[in-house]
Amino acid sequence: MSIPNPAHALLTAPLGELVVVLLKQFRRLLQEGSIPLTVQDMEAYGQAVENNADLPANAPLLKERLLALIAESETDLLQRFGLTFERALNTDMGGIDGWETTSEFIELANHKSNAELRISASATLLAMFGDATHTAHLWDVINEDKNVWDVDACLAKRALCHLYSVSPSAPDWREQIG
C-alpha cells in the first residue's frame, strides 16, 4: 500500500488560494520592496487569477519585485556556489564545499534553499499572473522532481497549466504546453 502524497492536493486546490499562500510567503520581502500587501490585497490577487480577471492596480510593481527577487537569488547562487538555478536544484549539499563546521554547513544550506525557493515561488507567481518570463525555471523544478510531485513541482505544474490554459489533470498536459 502506497502512502498518499499530501502535495497532490495542490493539483486540485483552488488556484486563488494557492496565490494567497505564495504571496504570504513573500510578505516581508514585498514590504522591504515598498509593496505592503494586506490579506485582502492577497485575496484580490487570488480572485483575479482564479477568475482570469485583471490583476490589482499595483500588479506591475509586484511583478517587478518578483523579477528582482529572481535576479537577486540567481546572482546569490552564482556568486556563493557557482551554480545556476537548474544546477543548484540538482546539487545536494554534499556537493557544496566551503564549510568546516556544522554551523557553516547550515548557513550555506539555508542560503541555497532560500535562493531556490525564492526563484521557484516567484516564477510560479509570475506565471499565475500571466508572465511567461521565467517558465524555464518552472520546468527545471518539474524536471528535477522526477515525478515525485513535491510541493514546488505541483505549484510549478499548476502555474504552467494556468498560464497556457491546460488542465493539470490532462494526461498529456506537458505536450499541450509544448
C-alpha atoms as a PDB file:
ATOM      1  CA  MET A   1       0.000   0.000   0.000  1.00  0.00           C
ATOM      2  CA  SER A   2       1.430   3.340  -1.004  1.00  0.00           C
ATOM      3  CA  ILE A   3       1.253   6.385   1.222  1.00  0.00           C
ATOM      4  CA  PRO A   4      -0.669   9.276  -0.338  1.00  0.00           C
ATOM      5  CA  ASN A   5       1.364  12.365  -1.166  1.00  0.00           C
ATOM      6  CA  PRO A   6      -0.249  15.399   0.531  1.00  0.00           C
ATOM      7  CA  ALA A   7       1.302  17.716  -2.079  1.00  0.00           C
ATOM      8  CA  HIS A   8      -1.015  16.165  -4.679  1.00  0.00           C
ATOM      9  CA  ALA A   9      -3.865  18.160  -3.130  1.00  0.00           C
ATOM     10  CA  LEU A  10      -2.218  21.243  -4.669  1.00  0.00           C
ATOM     11  CA  LEU A  11      -3.046  19.894  -8.119  1.00  0.00           C
ATOM     12  CA  THR A  12      -6.759  20.398  -7.458  1.00  0.00           C
ATOM     13  CA  ALA A  13      -6.790  23.158  -4.825  1.00  0.00           C
ATOM     14  CA  PRO A  14      -8.439  26.432  -5.848  1.00  0.00           C
ATOM     15  CA  LEU A  15      -5.849  28.465  -7.736  1.00  0.00           C
ATOM     16  CA  GLY A  16      -6.777  31.634  -5.867  1.00  0.00           C
ATOM     17  CA  GLU A  17      -5.923  30.001  -2.550  1.00  0.00           C
ATOM     18  CA  LEU A  18      -2.520  28.960  -3.879  1.00  0.00           C
ATOM     19  CA  VAL A  19      -1.812  32.550  -4.927  1.00  0.00           C
ATOM     20  CA  VAL A  20      -2.628  33.766  -1.420  1.00  0.00           C
ATOM     21  CA  VAL A  21      -0.387  31.143   0.192  1.00  0.00           C
ATOM     22  CA  LEU A  22       2.515  32.074  -2.087  1.00  0.00           C
ATOM     23  CA  LEU A  23       2.044  35.802  -1.540  1.00  0.00           C
ATOM     24  CA  LYS A  24       2.045  35.270   2.232  1.00  0.00           C
ATOM     25  CA  GLN A  25       5.485  33.661   1.894  1.00  0.00           C
ATOM     26  CA  PHE A  26       6.721  36.883   0.307  1.00  0.00           C
ATOM     27  CA  ARG A  27       5.037  39.346   2.639  1.00  0.00           C
ATOM     28  CA  ARG A  28       8.227  40.544   4.350  1.00  0.00           C
ATOM     29  CA  LEU A  29      10.231  40.665   1.129  1.00  0.00           C
ATOM     30  CA  LEU A  30       7.458  42.612  -0.593  1.00  0.00           C
ATOM     31  CA  GLN A  31       7.272  45.096   2.274  1.00  0.00           C
ATOM     32  CA  GLU A  32      11.038  45.578   2.023  1.00  0.00           C
ATOM     33  CA  GLY A  33      10.410  46.439  -1.637  1.00  0.00           C
ATOM     34  CA  SER A  34       7.783  49.036  -0.624  1.00  0.00           C
ATOM     35  CA  ILE A  35       4.895  46.789  -1.624  1.00  0.00           C
ATOM     36  CA  PRO A  36       2.865  46.176   1.521  1.00  0.00           C
ATOM     37  CA  LEU A  37       0.066  43.682   0.929  1.00  0.00           C
ATOM     38  CA  THR A  38      -2.800  43.077   3.299  1.00  0.00           C
ATOM     39  CA  VAL A  39      -4.597  39.756   3.404  1.00  0.00           C
ATOM     40  CA  GLN A  40      -7.403  41.445   1.455  1.00  0.00           C
ATOM     41  CA  ASP A  41      -4.889  42.539  -1.204  1.00  0.00           C
ATOM     42  CA  MET A  42      -3.571  38.989  -1.468  1.00  0.00           C
ATOM     43  CA  GLU A  43      -7.101  37.650  -1.760  1.00  0.00           C
ATOM     44  CA  ALA A  44      -7.797  40.173  -4.537  1.00  0.00           C
ATOM     45  CA  TYR A  45      -4.822  38.776  -6.449  1.00  0.00           C
ATOM     46  CA  GLY A  46      -6.062  35.252  -5.797  1.00  0.00           C
ATOM     47  CA  GLN A  47      -9.560  36.062  -7.031  1.00  0.00           C
ATOM     48  CA  ALA A  48      -8.202  37.797 -10.130  1.00  0.00           C
ATOM     49  CA  VAL A  49      -6.085  34.765 -11.019  1.00  0.00           C
ATOM     50  CA  GLU A  50      -8.910  32.344 -10.229  1.00  0.00           C
ATOM     51  CA  ASN A  51     -11.320  34.279 -12.450  1.00  0.00           C
ATOM     52  CA  ASN A  52      -8.814  35.156 -15.202  1.00  0.00           C
ATOM     53  CA  ALA A  53      -9.566  38.807 -14.468  1.00  0.00           C
ATOM     54  CA  ASP A  54      -7.397  41.904 -14.393  1.00  0.00           C
ATOM     55  CA  LEU A  55      -4.878  41.971 -11.561  1.00  0.00           C
ATOM     56  CA  PRO A  56      -4.981  44.766  -8.952  1.00  0.00           C
ATOM     57  CA  ALA A  57      -3.538  48.143  -9.894  1.00  0.00           C
ATOM     58  CA  ASN A  58      -0.192  47.584  -8.152  1.00  0.00           C
ATOM     59  CA  ALA A  59       0.479  44.380 -10.119  1.00  0.00           C
ATOM     60  CA  PRO A  60       3.284  45.940 -12.215  1.00  0.00           C
ATOM     61  CA  LEU A  61       5.182  46.827  -9.014  1.00  0.00           C
ATOM     62  CA  LEU A  62       4.612  43.376  -7.587  1.00  0.00           C
ATOM     63  CA  LYS A  63       5.804  41.688 -10.779  1.00  0.00           C
ATOM     64  CA  GLU A  64       8.854  43.949 -10.844  1.00  0.00           C
ATOM     65  CA  ARG A  65       9.698  42.936  -7.263  1.00  0.00           C
ATOM     66  CA  LEU A  66       9.280  39.234  -8.077  1.00  0.00           C
ATOM     67  CA  LEU A  67      11.576  39.626 -11.079  1.00  0.00           C
ATOM     68  CA  ALA A  68      14.116  41.378  -8.849  1.00  0.00           C
ATOM     69  CA  LEU A  69      13.924  38.556  -6.288  1.00  0.00           C
ATOM     70  CA  ILE A  70      14.641  36.031  -9.021  1.00  0.00           C
ATOM     71  CA  ALA A  71      17.610  38.058 -10.277  1.00  0.00           C
ATOM     72  CA  GLU A  72      18.992  38.529  -6.748  1.00  0.00           C
ATOM     73  CA  SER A  73      18.618  34.824  -5.981  1.00  0.00           C
ATOM     74  CA  GLU A  74      20.209  33.760  -9.277  1.00  0.00           C
ATOM     75  CA  THR A  75      23.137  36.072  -8.522  1.00  0.00           C
ATOM     76  CA  ASP A  76      23.422  34.647  -4.992  1.00  0.00           C
ATOM     77  CA  LEU A  77      23.551  31.081  -6.330  1.00  0.00           C
ATOM     78  CA  LEU A  78      26.183  32.013  -8.900  1.00  0.00           C
ATOM     79  CA  GLN A  79      28.370  34.059  -6.569  1.00  0.00           C
ATOM     80  CA  ARG A  80      28.113  31.893  -3.487  1.00  0.00           C
ATOM     81  CA  PHE A  81      28.017  28.443  -5.095  1.00  0.00           C
ATOM     82  CA  GLY A  82      28.955  28.888  -8.760  1.00  0.00           C
ATOM     83  CA  LEU A  83      25.623  27.319  -9.707  1.00  0.00           C
ATOM     84  CA  THR A  84      22.753  28.216 -11.974  1.00  0.00           C
ATOM     85  CA  PHE A  85      19.249  27.591 -10.652  1.00  0.00           C
ATOM     86  CA  GLU A  86      18.960  24.343 -12.612  1.00  0.00           C
ATOM     87  CA  ARG A  87      22.325  23.076 -11.379  1.00  0.00           C
ATOM     88  CA  ALA A  88      21.539  24.143  -7.809  1.00  0.00           C
ATOM     89  CA  LEU A  89      18.370  22.051  -7.861  1.00  0.00           C
ATOM     90  CA  ASN A  90      20.416  19.057  -8.976  1.00  0.00           C
ATOM     91  CA  THR A  91      23.245  19.597  -6.450  1.00  0.00           C
ATOM     92  CA  ASP A  92      22.755  18.365  -2.915  1.00  0.00           C
ATOM     93  CA  MET A  93      24.690  19.897  -0.068  1.00  0.00           C
ATOM     94  CA  GLY A  94      27.185  17.031  -0.156  1.00  0.00           C
ATOM     95  CA  GLY A  95      28.453  18.560  -3.393  1.00  0.00           C
ATOM     96  CA  ILE A  96      28.967  22.007  -1.838  1.00  0.00           C
ATOM     97  CA  ASP A  97      32.353  22.996  -0.448  1.00  0.00           C
ATOM     98  CA  GLY A  98      33.333  25.998   1.647  1.00  0.00           C
ATOM     99  CA  TRP A  99      32.240  24.897   5.082  1.00  0.00           C
ATOM    100  CA  GLU A 100      34.055  23.329   8.007  1.00  0.00           C
ATOM    101  CA  THR A 101      31.636  23.481  10.907  1.00  0.00           C
ATOM    102  CA  THR A 102      28.059  22.357  11.256  1.00  0.00           C
ATOM    103  CA  SER A 103      27.060  25.986  11.684  1.00  0.00           C
ATOM    104  CA  GLU A 104      28.712  26.940   8.390  1.00  0.00           C
ATOM    105  CA  PHE A 105      27.063  23.967   6.656  1.00  0.00           C
ATOM    106  CA  ILE A 106      23.634  25.000   7.949  1.00  0.00           C
ATOM    107  CA  GLU A 107      24.194  28.617   6.910  1.00  0.00           C
ATOM    108  CA  LEU A 108      25.170  27.591   3.370  1.00  0.00           C
ATOM    109  CA  ALA A 109      22.276  25.149   3.136  1.00  0.00           C
ATOM    110  CA  ASN A 110      19.871  27.900   4.195  1.00  0.00           C
ATOM    111  CA  HIS A 111      21.261  30.322   1.580  1.00  0.00           C
ATOM    112  CA  LYS A 112      20.965  27.708  -1.163  1.00  0.00           C
ATOM    113  CA  SER A 113      17.498  26.596  -0.113  1.00  0.00           C
ATOM    114  CA  ASN A 114      16.184  30.160   0.251  1.00  0.00           C
ATOM    115  CA  ALA A 115      17.507  31.172  -3.157  1.00  0.00           C
ATOM    116  CA  GLU A 116      15.956  28.111  -4.796  1.00  0.00           C
ATOM    117  CA  LEU A 117      12.626  28.704  -3.060  1.00  0.00           C
ATOM    118  CA  ARG A 118      12.520  32.408  -3.979  1.00  0.00           C
ATOM    119  CA  ILE A 119      13.202  31.611  -7.622  1.00  0.00           C
ATOM    120  CA  SER A 120      10.676  28.792  -7.764  1.00  0.00           C
ATOM    121  CA  ALA A 121       7.901  30.630  -5.916  1.00  0.00           C
ATOM    122  CA  SER A 122       8.494  33.916  -7.766  1.00  0.00           C
ATOM    123  CA  ALA A 123       8.428  32.170 -11.151  1.00  0.00           C
ATOM    124  CA  THR A 124       5.254  30.375 -10.071  1.00  0.00           C
ATOM    125  CA  LEU A 125       3.515  33.607  -9.100  1.00  0.00           C
ATOM    126  CA  LEU A 126       4.655  35.357 -12.269  1.00  0.00           C
ATOM    127  CA  ALA A 127       3.216  32.549 -14.397  1.00  0.00           C
ATOM    128  CA  MET A 128      -0.032  32.666 -12.430  1.00  0.00           C
ATOM    129  CA  PHE A 129      -0.095  36.408 -13.158  1.00  0.00           C
ATOM    130  CA  GLY A 130       0.270  35.736 -16.888  1.00  0.00           C
ATOM    131  CA  ASP A 131       4.012  36.410 -17.190  1.00  0.00           C
ATOM    132  CA  ALA A 132       5.956  33.686 -19.018  1.00  0.00           C
ATOM    133  CA  THR A 133       9.380  35.272 -18.421  1.00  0.00           C
ATOM    134  CA  HIS A 134      10.679  32.527 -16.128  1.00  0.00           C
ATOM    135  CA  THR A 135       8.759  29.431 -17.184  1.00  0.00           C
ATOM    136  CA  ALA A 136      12.104  27.706 -17.829  1.00  0.00           C
ATOM    137  CA  HIS A 137      12.634  27.761 -14.064  1.00  0.00           C
ATOM    138  CA  LEU A 138       9.283  26.044 -13.573  1.00  0.00           C
ATOM    139  CA  TRP A 139      10.331  23.313 -15.985  1.00  0.00           C
ATOM    140  CA  ASP A 140      13.614  22.995 -14.056  1.00  0.00           C
ATOM    141  CA  VAL A 141      11.633  22.403 -10.858  1.00  0.00           C
ATOM    142  CA  ILE A 142       9.379  19.825 -12.515  1.00  0.00           C
ATOM    143  CA  ASN A 143      12.242  18.007 -14.231  1.00  0.00           C
ATOM    144  CA  GLU A 144      14.352  17.881 -11.059  1.00  0.00           C
ATOM    145  CA  ASP A 145      11.367  16.485  -9.161  1.00  0.00           C
ATOM    146  CA  LYS A 146      11.467  13.262 -11.225  1.00  0.00           C
ATOM    147  CA  ASN A 147       7.693  12.663 -10.892  1.00  0.00           C
ATOM    148  CA  VAL A 148       7.680  12.683  -7.093  1.00  0.00           C
ATOM    149  CA  TRP A 149       5.422  15.768  -7.250  1.00  0.00           C
ATOM    150  CA  ASP A 150       6.598  17.616  -4.190  1.00  0.00           C
ATOM    151  CA  VAL A 151       5.033  20.979  -3.261  1.00  0.00           C
ATOM    152  CA  ASP A 152       7.240  23.082  -5.546  1.00  0.00           C
ATOM    153  CA  ALA A 153       6.684  20.798  -8.546  1.00  0.00           C
ATOM    154  CA  CYS A 154       2.916  20.719  -8.002  1.00  0.00           C
ATOM    155  CA  LEU A 155       2.823  24.516  -7.803  1.00  0.00           C
ATOM    156  CA  ALA A 156       5.015  24.819 -10.913  1.00  0.00           C
ATOM    157  CA  LYS A 157       2.702  22.474 -12.815  1.00  0.00           C
ATOM    158  CA  ARG A 158      -0.370  24.436 -11.729  1.00  0.00           C
ATOM    159  CA  ALA A 159       1.234  27.721 -12.775  1.00  0.00           C
ATOM    160  CA  LEU A 160       2.240  26.421 -16.200  1.00  0.00           C
ATOM    161  CA  CYS A 161      -1.155  24.850 -16.785  1.00  0.00           C
ATOM    162  CA  HIS A 162      -2.892  28.068 -15.776  1.00  0.00           C
ATOM    163  CA  LEU A 163      -0.630  30.205 -17.968  1.00  0.00           C
ATOM    164  CA  TYR A 164      -1.276  28.044 -21.023  1.00  0.00           C
ATOM    165  CA  SER A 165      -4.936  27.203 -20.237  1.00  0.00           C
ATOM    166  CA  VAL A 166      -4.292  23.493 -19.907  1.00  0.00           C
ATOM    167  CA  SER A 167      -5.986  21.226 -17.394  1.00  0.00           C
ATOM    168  CA  PRO A 168      -3.466  19.969 -14.815  1.00  0.00           C
ATOM    169  CA  SER A 169      -5.327  16.642 -14.829  1.00  0.00           C
ATOM    170  CA  ALA A 170      -4.862  16.174 -18.579  1.00  0.00           C
ATOM    171  CA  PRO A 171      -2.650  13.132 -19.157  1.00  0.00           C
ATOM    172  CA  ASP A 172      -0.860  14.990 -21.969  1.00  0.00           C
ATOM    173  CA  TRP A 173      -0.523  18.332 -20.168  1.00  0.00           C
ATOM    174  CA  ARG A 174       3.204  18.526 -20.990  1.00  0.00           C
ATOM    175  CA  GLU A 175       2.581  18.066 -24.700  1.00  0.00           C
ATOM    176  CA  GLN A 176      -0.245  20.615 -24.663  1.00  0.00           C
ATOM    177  CA  ILE A 177       2.049  23.217 -23.155  1.00  0.00           C
ATOM    178  CA  GLY A 178       4.864  22.379 -25.546  1.00  0.00           C
END
